[in-house]
N, C-alpha and C. Protein backbone atom coordinates (compact mmCIF):
# COMPACT_ATOMS: atom_id res chain seq x y z
N MET A 1 86.16 76.08 131.57
CA MET A 1 87.60 77.08 131.84
C MET A 1 88.67 77.04 132.18
N LYS A 2 89.94 77.05 131.26
CA LYS A 2 90.74 76.53 131.68
C LYS A 2 91.61 78.39 132.13
N LYS A 3 92.59 77.99 133.03
CA LYS A 3 93.39 79.10 133.59
C LYS A 3 94.25 79.24 133.42
N ILE A 4 95.16 80.64 133.10
CA ILE A 4 96.15 81.20 133.11
C ILE A 4 97.11 81.32 133.94
N ILE A 5 98.54 80.61 133.72
CA ILE A 5 99.26 81.28 134.98
C ILE A 5 100.53 81.61 134.55
N PHE A 6 100.84 82.82 134.97
CA PHE A 6 101.56 83.56 134.95
C PHE A 6 103.42 83.35 135.95
N SER A 7 104.29 83.07 135.64
CA SER A 7 105.25 82.70 136.17
C SER A 7 106.03 83.76 136.56
N LYS A 8 106.57 83.88 137.86
CA LYS A 8 107.54 85.20 138.13
C LYS A 8 108.49 85.71 137.32
N GLU A 9 109.00 84.85 136.58
CA GLU A 9 109.89 84.93 135.70
C GLU A 9 109.38 85.72 134.48
N TRP A 10 108.50 85.29 134.15
CA TRP A 10 107.30 85.69 132.77
C TRP A 10 107.29 86.74 133.57
N CYS A 11 106.63 87.68 134.49
CA CYS A 11 106.30 89.05 134.97
C CYS A 11 107.21 89.79 134.90
N ALA A 12 108.32 89.03 135.70
CA ALA A 12 109.60 90.20 135.83
C ALA A 12 109.78 90.79 134.15
N SER A 13 109.84 89.43 133.25
CA SER A 13 110.41 89.87 132.00
C SER A 13 109.29 90.89 131.01
N ALA A 14 108.18 90.58 131.26
CA ALA A 14 107.08 91.67 130.82
C ALA A 14 107.65 92.91 131.58
N ALA A 15 107.94 93.11 132.91
CA ALA A 15 108.06 94.52 133.18
C ALA A 15 108.89 95.08 132.71
N ALA A 16 110.33 94.45 132.90
CA ALA A 16 111.47 94.95 131.98
C ALA A 16 110.84 95.58 131.00
N SER A 17 110.58 94.72 129.84
CA SER A 17 110.23 95.48 128.65
C SER A 17 109.59 96.51 128.32
N GLU A 18 108.42 96.29 129.06
CA GLU A 18 107.86 97.69 129.02
C GLU A 18 108.26 98.76 130.31
N ALA A 19 109.19 98.68 130.83
CA ALA A 19 109.20 99.85 131.63
C ALA A 19 109.53 101.28 131.43
N SER A 20 109.95 101.80 130.13
CA SER A 20 109.78 103.33 129.86
C SER A 20 108.32 103.66 129.32
N THR A 21 107.69 102.15 129.10
CA THR A 21 105.81 102.65 128.67
C THR A 21 105.13 103.20 129.70
N GLU A 22 104.07 104.39 129.16
CA GLU A 22 103.20 104.68 130.03
C GLU A 22 101.80 104.16 130.36
N VAL A 23 101.39 103.59 130.84
CA VAL A 23 100.51 102.87 131.58
C VAL A 23 99.11 103.44 132.04
N GLY A 24 97.87 103.28 131.34
CA GLY A 24 96.81 103.40 132.01
C GLY A 24 95.39 102.59 131.46
N ALA A 25 94.43 103.12 131.86
CA ALA A 25 93.45 102.49 131.05
C ALA A 25 92.12 103.52 131.37
N GLY A 26 91.02 103.18 130.31
CA GLY A 26 90.00 104.11 130.36
C GLY A 26 90.53 105.42 130.69
N LEU A 27 89.30 106.72 130.80
CA LEU A 27 89.21 108.25 130.64
C LEU A 27 90.34 108.53 131.85
N SER A 28 90.22 108.03 132.57
CA SER A 28 91.16 108.65 133.90
C SER A 28 92.55 108.73 133.48
N ALA A 29 92.94 107.73 132.63
CA ALA A 29 94.68 107.05 132.13
C ALA A 29 95.34 108.73 131.18
N PHE A 30 94.22 109.06 130.66
CA PHE A 30 94.48 110.61 130.03
C PHE A 30 93.85 111.92 130.21
N ALA A 31 93.84 111.59 131.71
CA ALA A 31 92.85 112.84 132.38
C ALA A 31 94.34 113.56 132.49
N SER A 32 95.35 113.38 132.98
CA SER A 32 96.57 114.08 133.56
C SER A 32 96.97 114.71 132.44
N THR A 33 97.13 114.12 130.88
CA THR A 33 97.59 114.31 130.37
C THR A 33 96.99 115.29 129.37
N ALA A 34 95.63 115.17 129.60
CA ALA A 34 94.80 116.77 129.15
C ALA A 34 95.22 118.05 129.72
N LYS A 35 95.33 117.82 130.94
CA LYS A 35 95.70 118.99 132.27
C LYS A 35 97.44 119.32 131.85
N GLN A 36 98.23 118.53 131.36
CA GLN A 36 99.79 118.66 130.97
C GLN A 36 99.55 120.06 129.84
N ALA A 37 98.81 119.10 129.10
CA ALA A 37 98.46 120.06 127.76
C ALA A 37 97.77 121.34 127.75
N ALA A 38 97.02 121.74 128.48
CA ALA A 38 96.29 122.77 128.85
C ALA A 38 97.03 123.51 130.15
N ALA A 39 98.50 123.02 130.44
CA ALA A 39 99.15 123.57 131.42
C ALA A 39 99.86 124.55 130.48
N LEU A 40 100.62 123.79 129.31
CA LEU A 40 101.78 124.01 128.14
C LEU A 40 101.37 125.75 128.03
N PRO A 41 102.70 125.93 127.77
CA PRO A 41 102.67 127.23 127.28
C PRO A 41 102.31 127.40 126.21
N GLN A 42 101.58 128.65 125.61
CA GLN A 42 100.54 128.26 124.48
C GLN A 42 101.56 128.68 123.38
N HIS A 43 102.61 129.34 123.19
CA HIS A 43 103.64 129.20 122.28
C HIS A 43 104.47 128.08 122.08
N GLU A 44 104.47 127.14 123.20
CA GLU A 44 105.23 125.99 122.99
C GLU A 44 104.36 124.83 122.31
N SER A 45 102.82 124.47 122.77
CA SER A 45 101.74 124.00 122.03
C SER A 45 101.75 123.99 120.64
N ASP A 46 101.59 125.36 120.44
CA ASP A 46 101.66 125.93 118.90
C ASP A 46 102.51 125.17 117.83
N GLU A 47 104.24 125.37 118.40
CA GLU A 47 105.04 124.87 118.05
C GLU A 47 105.08 123.77 117.52
N SER A 48 104.79 122.64 118.34
CA SER A 48 104.69 121.34 118.55
C SER A 48 103.30 120.89 117.48
N ARG A 49 102.32 121.39 117.90
CA ARG A 49 101.14 120.91 116.95
C ARG A 49 101.27 121.45 115.56
N ILE A 50 102.07 121.99 115.69
CA ILE A 50 102.55 122.92 114.05
C ILE A 50 103.29 121.79 113.03
N ALA A 51 104.17 121.30 114.30
CA ALA A 51 105.23 120.44 113.35
C ALA A 51 104.60 119.05 113.77
N PHE A 52 103.69 118.97 114.43
CA PHE A 52 102.83 117.30 114.60
C PHE A 52 102.02 117.33 112.95
N GLY A 53 101.21 118.18 112.69
CA GLY A 53 100.39 118.24 111.45
C GLY A 53 101.26 118.33 110.05
N ARG A 54 102.15 118.42 110.41
CA ARG A 54 103.55 118.64 109.03
C ARG A 54 104.24 117.63 108.79
N LEU A 55 104.43 116.64 110.12
CA LEU A 55 105.27 115.46 110.16
C LEU A 55 104.30 114.48 109.35
N VAL A 56 102.92 114.38 110.15
CA VAL A 56 101.78 113.32 109.31
C VAL A 56 101.29 113.58 108.08
N GLN A 57 101.32 115.14 107.23
CA GLN A 57 101.10 115.66 106.21
C GLN A 57 102.21 115.13 105.26
N LEU A 58 103.16 115.55 105.95
CA LEU A 58 104.60 114.81 105.22
C LEU A 58 104.88 113.00 105.05
N MET A 59 104.36 112.39 105.90
CA MET A 59 104.44 111.15 106.18
C MET A 59 103.15 110.42 105.29
N ARG A 60 102.21 111.12 105.18
CA ARG A 60 100.91 110.68 104.22
C ARG A 60 101.67 110.98 102.60
N ARG A 61 101.62 112.22 102.61
CA ARG A 61 102.34 112.11 100.87
C ARG A 61 103.37 111.40 100.38
N LYS A 62 104.52 110.96 101.32
CA LYS A 62 105.53 110.39 101.03
C LYS A 62 104.94 108.75 100.47
N ARG A 63 104.02 108.85 101.37
CA ARG A 63 103.12 107.33 100.78
C ARG A 63 102.27 107.60 99.71
N GLY A 64 102.15 109.06 99.33
CA GLY A 64 101.33 108.60 98.07
C GLY A 64 99.80 108.72 98.72
N LEU A 65 99.76 108.94 99.88
CA LEU A 65 98.08 108.81 100.22
C LEU A 65 97.31 110.16 99.94
N THR A 66 95.94 110.01 99.98
CA THR A 66 95.54 111.44 100.37
C THR A 66 94.67 110.82 101.85
N LEU A 67 93.97 111.86 102.07
CA LEU A 67 93.75 112.18 103.96
C LEU A 67 92.77 110.86 103.89
N GLU A 68 91.47 111.17 102.59
CA GLU A 68 90.75 109.31 102.76
C GLU A 68 91.48 108.13 102.79
N ASP A 69 92.47 107.96 102.03
CA ASP A 69 93.43 106.65 102.26
C ASP A 69 93.81 106.77 103.64
N LEU A 70 94.43 107.17 104.17
CA LEU A 70 94.89 107.25 105.51
C LEU A 70 93.62 107.01 106.45
N GLU A 71 92.44 107.91 106.04
CA GLU A 71 91.65 107.50 106.89
C GLU A 71 91.32 106.34 107.16
N LYS A 72 91.08 105.66 105.88
CA LYS A 72 91.04 103.77 105.53
C LYS A 72 92.07 102.95 106.62
N LYS A 73 93.00 103.49 105.98
CA LYS A 73 94.24 102.30 106.06
C LYS A 73 94.63 102.82 107.74
N ALA A 74 94.49 103.83 108.32
CA ALA A 74 94.66 103.78 109.93
C ALA A 74 93.76 103.49 110.53
N ASP A 75 92.37 103.90 109.96
CA ASP A 75 91.24 103.64 111.25
C ASP A 75 91.06 104.94 111.81
N ILE A 76 91.56 106.27 111.14
CA ILE A 76 91.23 107.36 112.25
C ILE A 76 90.09 108.16 111.36
N ASP A 77 89.74 109.06 112.13
CA ASP A 77 88.32 109.58 111.81
C ASP A 77 89.22 111.00 111.04
N LEU A 78 88.46 111.46 109.72
CA LEU A 78 88.93 112.25 108.72
C LEU A 78 89.05 113.44 108.99
N GLU A 79 87.92 113.95 109.85
CA GLU A 79 87.87 114.99 110.56
C GLU A 79 88.90 115.52 111.51
N GLU A 80 89.44 114.43 112.25
CA GLU A 80 90.20 114.81 113.13
C GLU A 80 91.69 114.88 112.31
N LEU A 81 91.87 114.13 111.44
CA LEU A 81 93.38 114.16 110.15
C LEU A 81 93.32 115.61 109.47
N VAL A 82 92.06 115.96 109.34
CA VAL A 82 92.14 117.13 108.46
C VAL A 82 92.51 118.53 109.94
N ASN A 83 92.11 118.32 111.00
CA ASN A 83 92.13 119.18 112.05
C ASN A 83 93.86 119.32 112.24
N ILE A 84 94.62 117.63 112.59
CA ILE A 84 96.29 117.70 112.60
C ILE A 84 96.68 118.58 111.65
N GLU A 85 96.28 117.98 110.57
CA GLU A 85 97.41 118.43 109.26
C GLU A 85 97.15 119.98 109.19
N GLU A 86 96.19 120.62 109.63
CA GLU A 86 95.98 122.15 109.47
C GLU A 86 96.64 122.63 111.00
N GLY A 87 96.88 122.21 111.75
CA GLY A 87 97.40 122.60 113.01
C GLY A 87 96.59 123.55 113.96
N THR A 88 95.65 123.28 113.93
CA THR A 88 94.33 123.98 114.40
C THR A 88 94.67 123.72 116.40
N ALA A 89 93.66 124.20 116.97
CA ALA A 89 94.16 124.36 118.40
C ALA A 89 93.53 122.97 119.23
N HIS A 90 92.87 122.02 118.01
CA HIS A 90 91.94 120.52 118.75
C HIS A 90 93.68 120.10 118.83
N ILE A 91 93.08 119.39 120.21
CA ILE A 91 94.25 118.32 120.70
C ILE A 91 93.16 117.36 119.84
N PRO A 92 94.24 116.25 119.49
CA PRO A 92 93.75 114.71 119.30
C PRO A 92 93.20 113.94 120.07
N GLU A 93 92.56 112.50 119.67
CA GLU A 93 92.83 111.81 120.61
C GLU A 93 93.88 110.87 121.00
N PRO A 94 94.14 110.37 121.51
CA PRO A 94 95.24 109.75 121.67
C PRO A 94 95.22 108.18 121.06
N ARG A 95 93.86 107.93 120.94
CA ARG A 95 93.74 106.74 120.35
C ARG A 95 94.39 106.72 118.76
N THR A 96 94.00 108.25 117.90
CA THR A 96 94.58 108.51 116.92
C THR A 96 96.09 108.92 116.79
N VAL A 97 96.71 109.30 117.57
CA VAL A 97 97.97 109.57 117.98
C VAL A 97 98.62 108.00 117.84
N TYR A 98 97.89 107.15 118.47
CA TYR A 98 98.62 105.70 118.51
C TYR A 98 98.28 105.21 117.53
N GLN A 99 97.34 105.28 116.38
CA GLN A 99 96.91 104.53 115.16
C GLN A 99 98.00 105.27 114.29
N LEU A 100 98.50 106.86 114.41
CA LEU A 100 99.62 107.04 113.54
C LEU A 100 100.53 106.68 113.66
N ALA A 101 101.25 106.65 114.81
CA ALA A 101 102.44 105.83 115.13
C ALA A 101 102.07 104.54 114.79
N GLN A 102 101.21 104.00 114.77
CA GLN A 102 101.59 102.36 114.38
C GLN A 102 101.83 102.12 112.82
N PHE A 103 100.84 102.66 112.02
CA PHE A 103 100.93 103.00 110.58
C PHE A 103 102.11 103.84 110.36
N PHE A 104 102.58 104.76 110.77
CA PHE A 104 104.04 105.29 110.41
C PHE A 104 105.05 104.84 110.49
N LYS A 105 104.58 103.74 111.27
CA LYS A 105 106.17 102.91 112.68
C LYS A 105 106.68 103.87 112.93
N VAL A 106 106.42 104.89 113.85
CA VAL A 106 107.24 105.84 114.42
C VAL A 106 106.83 105.80 116.26
N PRO A 107 107.79 106.04 116.76
CA PRO A 107 107.15 105.61 118.45
C PRO A 107 106.24 106.94 118.47
N SER A 108 105.22 106.45 119.77
CA SER A 108 104.14 106.77 119.74
C SER A 108 104.39 107.74 120.70
N LYS A 109 105.67 107.84 121.59
CA LYS A 109 105.96 108.53 122.91
C LYS A 109 106.41 110.11 122.24
N GLY A 110 107.11 109.62 121.22
CA GLY A 110 107.41 111.53 120.17
C GLY A 110 106.05 111.84 120.02
N LEU A 111 105.40 111.09 119.07
CA LEU A 111 104.18 111.58 118.25
C LEU A 111 103.19 112.14 119.42
N LEU A 112 103.11 111.61 120.54
CA LEU A 112 102.17 112.32 121.79
C LEU A 112 102.78 113.43 122.52
N GLN A 113 104.02 113.77 122.48
CA GLN A 113 104.59 114.70 122.95
C GLN A 113 104.45 115.73 121.80
N LEU A 114 104.54 115.71 120.65
CA LEU A 114 103.78 116.71 119.53
C LEU A 114 102.77 117.28 119.51
N SER A 115 101.83 116.00 120.06
CA SER A 115 100.43 116.26 119.57
C SER A 115 99.91 117.01 120.65
N GLY A 116 100.56 117.34 121.74
CA GLY A 116 100.55 118.09 123.06
C GLY A 116 99.62 117.05 123.89
N LEU A 117 99.42 115.95 123.71
CA LEU A 117 98.66 114.81 124.72
C LEU A 117 99.83 114.48 126.28
N SER A 118 101.10 115.10 126.10
CA SER A 118 102.06 114.96 126.97
C SER A 118 103.22 115.68 126.85
N THR A 119 103.52 116.30 128.02
CA THR A 119 104.73 117.15 127.98
C THR A 119 106.01 117.23 127.29
N THR A 120 106.67 117.80 126.83
CA THR A 120 107.77 117.65 125.78
C THR A 120 109.05 117.80 127.46
N ARG A 121 109.28 116.21 127.36
CA ARG A 121 110.58 115.94 128.30
C ARG A 121 112.05 116.18 127.84
N ASP A 122 112.00 116.32 126.38
CA ASP A 122 113.51 116.17 125.79
C ASP A 122 113.54 117.49 124.59
N ASP A 123 114.36 118.66 125.37
CA ASP A 123 113.77 119.69 124.74
C ASP A 123 114.89 119.70 123.19
N ARG A 124 115.51 118.72 123.16
CA ARG A 124 115.69 119.21 121.57
C ARG A 124 114.48 118.24 120.89
N ILE A 125 113.82 117.89 121.24
CA ILE A 125 112.36 117.30 120.52
C ILE A 125 111.88 118.57 119.96
N ARG A 126 111.62 119.47 121.13
CA ARG A 126 111.16 120.67 120.97
C ARG A 126 111.75 121.67 120.08
N HIS A 127 112.96 121.54 120.23
CA HIS A 127 113.81 122.51 119.31
C HIS A 127 114.14 122.01 117.95
N GLU A 128 113.97 120.63 117.59
CA GLU A 128 113.95 120.18 116.25
C GLU A 128 112.63 120.45 115.80
N ALA A 129 111.12 120.16 116.39
CA ALA A 129 110.05 120.89 116.13
C ALA A 129 109.78 121.94 115.84
N VAL A 130 110.85 122.56 115.79
CA VAL A 130 110.34 124.02 115.65
C VAL A 130 111.48 124.10 113.98
N ARG A 131 112.56 123.28 113.83
CA ARG A 131 113.45 123.73 113.26
C ARG A 131 112.46 122.95 111.90
N PHE A 132 111.98 121.79 111.91
CA PHE A 132 111.23 120.89 111.20
C PHE A 132 109.68 121.55 110.59
N ALA A 133 109.16 122.42 111.55
CA ALA A 133 107.87 122.93 110.94
C ALA A 133 108.95 124.11 110.15
N ALA A 134 109.73 125.05 110.17
CA ALA A 134 110.24 126.18 109.82
C ALA A 134 110.78 125.48 108.22
N ARG A 135 111.21 124.39 108.25
CA ARG A 135 111.88 123.49 106.79
C ARG A 135 110.88 122.85 106.16
N SER A 136 109.74 122.39 106.70
CA SER A 136 108.89 121.78 105.61
C SER A 136 107.31 122.56 105.06
N GLU A 137 107.51 123.01 104.11
CA GLU A 137 106.57 123.80 103.61
C GLU A 137 106.01 122.95 102.84
N SER A 138 104.64 123.43 102.73
CA SER A 138 103.50 122.20 101.56
C SER A 138 103.86 122.72 100.43
N VAL A 139 103.90 121.69 99.81
CA VAL A 139 103.79 121.04 98.29
C VAL A 139 103.52 120.17 97.86
N ALA A 140 103.15 120.08 96.42
CA ALA A 140 102.32 118.98 96.03
C ALA A 140 103.76 117.47 95.87
N LYS A 141 104.56 117.61 95.82
CA LYS A 141 105.25 116.46 96.28
C LYS A 141 106.42 116.98 96.87
N LEU A 142 107.09 116.03 97.45
CA LEU A 142 108.15 115.81 98.74
C LEU A 142 109.36 115.96 97.53
N THR A 143 110.16 117.19 98.45
CA THR A 143 111.59 117.70 97.74
C THR A 143 112.19 116.75 98.76
N SER A 144 113.87 116.96 97.92
CA SER A 144 114.55 116.17 98.56
C SER A 144 115.14 116.68 100.14
N GLU A 145 115.01 118.20 99.89
CA GLU A 145 114.90 118.75 101.09
C GLU A 145 114.11 118.66 102.26
N GLU A 146 112.48 118.33 101.97
CA GLU A 146 111.42 118.13 102.60
C GLU A 146 111.93 116.59 103.14
N THR A 147 112.33 115.68 102.22
CA THR A 147 112.37 114.12 102.62
C THR A 147 113.78 114.34 103.82
N ALA A 148 114.64 114.50 103.40
CA ALA A 148 115.93 115.03 104.49
C ALA A 148 115.28 115.43 105.92
N ALA A 149 114.62 116.86 105.69
CA ALA A 149 114.09 117.07 107.10
C ALA A 149 112.98 115.95 107.76
N LEU A 150 112.20 115.29 106.96
CA LEU A 150 111.04 114.20 107.54
C LEU A 150 112.12 113.07 108.26
N GLU A 151 112.76 112.69 107.16
CA GLU A 151 113.69 111.59 107.81
C GLU A 151 114.41 112.11 109.30
N SER A 152 115.65 112.90 109.01
CA SER A 152 116.05 113.83 110.27
C SER A 152 115.08 113.83 111.26
N PHE A 153 113.30 114.53 111.29
CA PHE A 153 112.98 114.59 112.26
C PHE A 153 112.56 113.27 113.41
N ILE A 154 112.35 112.21 111.99
CA ILE A 154 111.68 110.84 112.73
C ILE A 154 113.34 110.30 113.36
N ALA A 155 113.97 110.62 112.79
CA ALA A 155 115.80 109.79 113.62
C ALA A 155 115.84 110.39 115.02
N VAL A 156 115.26 111.53 115.30
CA VAL A 156 114.98 112.32 116.60
C VAL A 156 114.44 111.99 117.52
N LEU A 157 113.21 111.19 116.83
CA LEU A 157 111.59 110.92 117.32
C LEU A 157 112.10 109.47 118.03
N SER A 158 113.12 108.86 116.85
CA SER A 158 113.89 107.43 117.26
C SER A 158 114.68 107.40 118.69
N SER A 159 114.95 108.39 119.00
CA SER A 159 116.44 108.42 119.52
C SER A 159 116.17 109.16 120.60
N GLN A 160 115.14 108.63 121.00
CA GLN A 160 114.25 109.46 122.60
C GLN A 160 115.60 109.21 123.84
N ARG A 161 116.05 109.68 124.95
CA ARG A 161 116.04 108.97 125.68
C ARG A 161 115.25 108.16 126.67
């Protein structure tokens, strides 16, 4: 067996590149986020959850995907996708949110906040989530207004401090 050796410089570089990333392992990594989500005021979590569901739905529709297509391509449970898009009181699994972030190429940190798995540290996100949810009504095809709302909201998620 070959021993892997990491230099001090490599470790420092890796730590610096992951400085703003939340780290955890196993179920205990998400225990605090579940407690934080339960402690959120109901209206705040409702607003975020609705915006999260609309965001997922519009991103899916923008790509011309059915729920079943997204289920297969992002390796996510169909029932959970339905619950997310309908904005039910369901809090999604952290893995699901991460898979969605990877598939849609948006920051997982912002999606975790919207999904209710972490607290919103940026008031701008909460404000934009409400505006986004209000401006994006479900229709068969994305309108130019919905496309603009979607792109604007993704820009806010991507530019978090």
